[in-house]
Amino acid sequence: WTRRRNHAQSPRGRATGFPTVLVMARRMRFAEVFEAGDAWLADCSAHPDLVREAWGMEALAPIASGRRWLAAQMPLLTAMQVLPRLREEDRGPVLADPGVDKAWWLVPLAAADELADLRTVFVRAPGWPLACPPTGWQACGRLWLSRPDGSGRLTDPVLLGAALGPGGSRLSTEASR
């Protein structure tokens, strides 16, 4: 008989070297973050119960913009280039759909004017439904590049505009006339 330590296993069945208790505690923290993000996102809807019901069926839940945030839409490649230019603490939720090559940044309600002169950004009007998966996993090809964490943090439109580059993505004054 040999005494074996109780170690957690990776998804491939290999021992991680960490005691099971530590791995479970880490998973609980992730679960708590996902639950907080899901709760915040569902509460952004006029019908949070319907949002949770859709997620329970592993479907996307349509959440109308305009109640707590607007959706700033851009090409997925552009969003992927901008992500590392913003510090994590300056970034709000970012949803991506590789199938349609789009990403949506959740921005404050007053962001439309600030982002109006950006070529690659289209701010959706209040009431536009954004089909969202839960924060912990992808659904129907959509996934969170930066997940809602329950804090209500949104991406500052000034920082988003600056991250898009020095004038390269902004319309010139003459071009906007």
Protein backbone atom coordinates (compact mmCIF):
# COMPACT_ATOMS: atom_id res chain seq x y z
CA TRP A 1 0.00 0.00 0.00
CA THR A 2 1.26 3.39 -0.88
CA ARG A 3 -0.04 6.62 0.50
CA ARG A 4 -1.15 9.02 -2.25
CA ARG A 5 -1.76 12.69 -1.69
CA ASN A 6 -5.07 13.95 -2.86
CA HIS A 7 -4.11 16.19 -5.79
CA ALA A 8 -6.45 17.86 -8.21
CA GLN A 9 -6.40 16.74 -11.81
CA SER A 10 -6.26 18.80 -14.96
CA PRO A 11 -8.97 18.35 -17.60
CA ARG A 12 -6.66 15.80 -19.24
CA GLY A 13 -6.53 13.72 -16.07
CA ARG A 14 -3.01 14.67 -15.02
CA ALA A 15 -2.21 15.63 -11.46
CA THR A 16 -1.76 19.38 -11.14
CA GLY A 17 0.48 19.24 -8.09
CA PHE A 18 -1.92 21.45 -6.17
CA PRO A 19 -3.96 20.03 -3.31
CA THR A 20 -7.60 19.56 -4.27
CA VAL A 21 -8.72 22.10 -1.67
CA LEU A 22 -6.68 24.89 -3.29
CA VAL A 23 -7.97 24.11 -6.76
CA MET A 24 -11.55 23.96 -5.51
CA ALA A 25 -11.13 27.32 -3.74
CA ARG A 26 -9.83 28.85 -6.97
CA ARG A 27 -12.78 27.41 -8.91
CA MET A 28 -15.15 28.84 -6.32
CA ARG A 29 -13.67 32.31 -6.80
CA PHE A 30 -14.14 32.00 -10.57
CA ALA A 31 -17.68 30.75 -10.02
CA GLU A 32 -18.42 33.72 -7.75
CA VAL A 33 -17.12 36.15 -10.38
CA PHE A 34 -19.23 34.50 -13.08
CA GLU A 35 -22.30 34.56 -10.84
CA ALA A 36 -21.79 38.26 -10.07
CA GLY A 37 -21.32 39.04 -13.77
CA ASP A 38 -24.39 37.03 -14.72
CA ALA A 39 -26.47 38.74 -12.03
CA TRP A 40 -25.38 42.22 -13.19
CA LEU A 41 -25.95 41.41 -16.86
CA ALA A 42 -29.39 39.88 -16.22
CA ASP A 43 -30.35 42.92 -14.13
CA CYS A 44 -29.54 45.13 -17.13
CA SER A 45 -32.59 43.59 -18.78
CA ALA A 46 -36.18 44.60 -18.17
CA HIS A 47 -36.85 40.85 -17.75
CA PRO A 48 -33.96 39.25 -15.78
CA ASP A 49 -35.87 36.00 -15.27
CA LEU A 50 -36.21 35.50 -19.04
CA VAL A 51 -32.47 36.14 -19.44
CA ARG A 52 -31.63 33.48 -16.84
CA GLU A 53 -34.13 31.10 -18.45
CA ALA A 54 -32.47 31.52 -21.87
CA TRP A 55 -29.05 30.87 -20.33
CA GLY A 56 -30.42 27.79 -18.59
CA MET A 57 -31.31 26.46 -22.05
CA GLU A 58 -27.78 27.32 -23.26
CA ALA A 59 -29.19 30.01 -25.55
CA LEU A 60 -28.31 33.64 -26.05
CA ALA A 61 -30.39 36.16 -24.12
CA PRO A 62 -31.36 39.40 -25.87
CA ILE A 63 -30.58 42.33 -23.56
CA ALA A 64 -31.66 45.74 -24.82
CA SER A 65 -29.06 48.48 -24.71
CA GLY A 66 -29.97 51.80 -23.18
CA ARG A 67 -30.92 50.82 -19.67
CA ARG A 68 -27.39 50.84 -18.20
CA TRP A 69 -25.10 50.82 -21.25
CA LEU A 70 -24.83 51.20 -25.00
CA ALA A 71 -23.13 48.73 -27.35
CA ALA A 72 -20.23 50.11 -29.40
CA GLN A 73 -19.86 47.73 -32.35
CA MET A 74 -16.63 47.26 -34.31
CA PRO A 75 -14.94 44.60 -36.44
CA LEU A 76 -13.58 41.74 -34.34
CA LEU A 77 -10.00 42.21 -35.57
CA THR A 78 -10.10 45.86 -34.52
CA ALA A 79 -11.38 44.88 -31.07
CA MET A 80 -8.63 42.28 -30.72
CA GLN A 81 -6.02 44.93 -31.56
CA VAL A 82 -7.51 47.38 -29.05
CA LEU A 83 -7.81 44.93 -26.11
CA PRO A 84 -4.11 44.90 -25.16
CA ARG A 85 -3.94 48.70 -25.48
CA LEU A 86 -6.35 49.15 -22.57
CA ARG A 87 -5.45 48.12 -19.04
CA GLU A 88 -7.79 45.50 -17.63
CA GLU A 89 -9.05 47.92 -14.98
CA ASP A 90 -9.98 50.41 -17.74
CA ARG A 91 -11.90 47.84 -19.76
CA GLY A 92 -15.57 47.05 -19.43
CA PRO A 93 -17.26 44.00 -20.91
CA VAL A 94 -16.47 43.11 -24.52
CA LEU A 95 -18.57 40.53 -26.37
CA ALA A 96 -17.34 38.86 -29.58
CA ASP A 97 -18.95 36.85 -32.34
CA PRO A 98 -16.28 35.42 -34.68
CA GLY A 99 -18.99 34.06 -36.98
CA VAL A 100 -20.07 37.56 -38.00
CA ASP A 101 -16.68 39.21 -37.37
CA LYS A 102 -18.06 41.67 -34.80
CA ALA A 103 -17.37 42.73 -31.24
CA TRP A 104 -19.39 44.94 -28.91
CA TRP A 105 -17.90 47.07 -26.12
CA LEU A 106 -20.31 48.02 -23.35
CA VAL A 107 -19.94 51.77 -22.90
CA PRO A 108 -21.72 54.43 -20.80
CA LEU A 109 -25.03 55.85 -22.00
CA ALA A 110 -23.44 59.19 -22.92
CA ALA A 111 -20.74 57.61 -25.11
CA ALA A 112 -22.43 58.00 -28.51
CA ASP A 113 -21.24 61.59 -29.05
CA GLU A 114 -17.69 60.79 -27.97
CA LEU A 115 -17.42 57.85 -30.38
CA ALA A 116 -19.33 59.45 -33.27
CA ASP A 117 -16.22 60.37 -35.27
CA LEU A 118 -14.59 56.94 -35.12
CA ARG A 119 -14.67 55.19 -38.49
CA THR A 120 -14.60 51.66 -37.17
CA VAL A 121 -17.12 52.12 -34.33
CA PHE A 122 -20.89 52.15 -34.60
CA VAL A 123 -22.78 52.88 -31.38
CA ARG A 124 -26.09 51.04 -31.34
CA ALA A 125 -29.13 53.08 -30.32
CA PRO A 126 -30.89 52.53 -26.99
CA GLY A 127 -33.30 49.62 -27.24
CA TRP A 128 -31.11 47.62 -29.64
CA PRO A 129 -30.99 43.99 -28.39
CA LEU A 130 -27.55 42.51 -27.83
CA ALA A 131 -27.74 38.69 -27.78
CA CYS A 132 -25.55 37.74 -24.82
CA PRO A 133 -24.23 34.44 -23.50
CA PRO A 134 -23.69 34.04 -19.76
CA THR A 135 -20.33 35.27 -18.50
CA GLY A 136 -18.88 31.82 -17.74
CA TRP A 137 -19.06 30.17 -21.16
CA GLN A 138 -19.75 30.75 -24.82
CA ALA A 139 -23.09 30.12 -26.45
CA CYS A 140 -24.00 30.03 -30.14
CA GLY A 141 -20.48 31.12 -31.05
CA ARG A 142 -20.49 34.26 -28.89
CA LEU A 143 -18.01 34.72 -26.05
CA TRP A 144 -16.84 37.42 -23.68
CA LEU A 145 -13.35 38.74 -24.43
CA SER A 146 -13.63 40.80 -21.25
CA ARG A 147 -16.34 39.48 -18.96
CA PRO A 148 -18.81 41.48 -16.88
CA ASP A 149 -17.66 41.09 -13.28
CA GLY A 150 -20.72 42.41 -11.49
CA SER A 151 -19.17 45.80 -10.69
CA GLY A 152 -20.97 47.64 -13.50
CA ARG A 153 -17.67 48.87 -14.91
CA LEU A 154 -17.95 50.05 -18.54
CA THR A 155 -15.28 51.09 -21.02
CA ASP A 156 -14.56 54.81 -20.98
CA PRO A 157 -15.22 56.06 -24.54
CA VAL A 158 -12.29 58.51 -24.37
CA LEU A 159 -9.89 55.66 -23.56
CA LEU A 160 -11.47 53.45 -26.23
CA GLY A 161 -11.04 56.20 -28.82
CA ALA A 162 -7.43 56.76 -27.78
CA ALA A 163 -6.71 53.03 -27.97
CA LEU A 164 -7.90 52.94 -31.56
CA GLY A 165 -4.82 54.89 -32.56
CA PRO A 166 -3.44 58.38 -33.10
CA GLY A 167 -5.96 59.77 -35.58
CA GLY A 168 -5.82 56.76 -37.88
CA SER A 169 -9.28 55.56 -36.97
CA ARG A 170 -10.85 58.98 -36.47
CA LEU A 171 -12.46 60.92 -39.27
CA SER A 172 -10.75 64.20 -40.04
CA THR A 173 -12.73 67.42 -39.52
CA GLU A 174 -12.96 67.93 -43.27
CA ALA A 175 -14.16 64.40 -43.92
CA SER A 176 -16.96 64.67 -41.38
CA ARG A 177 -18.47 67.77 -43.04
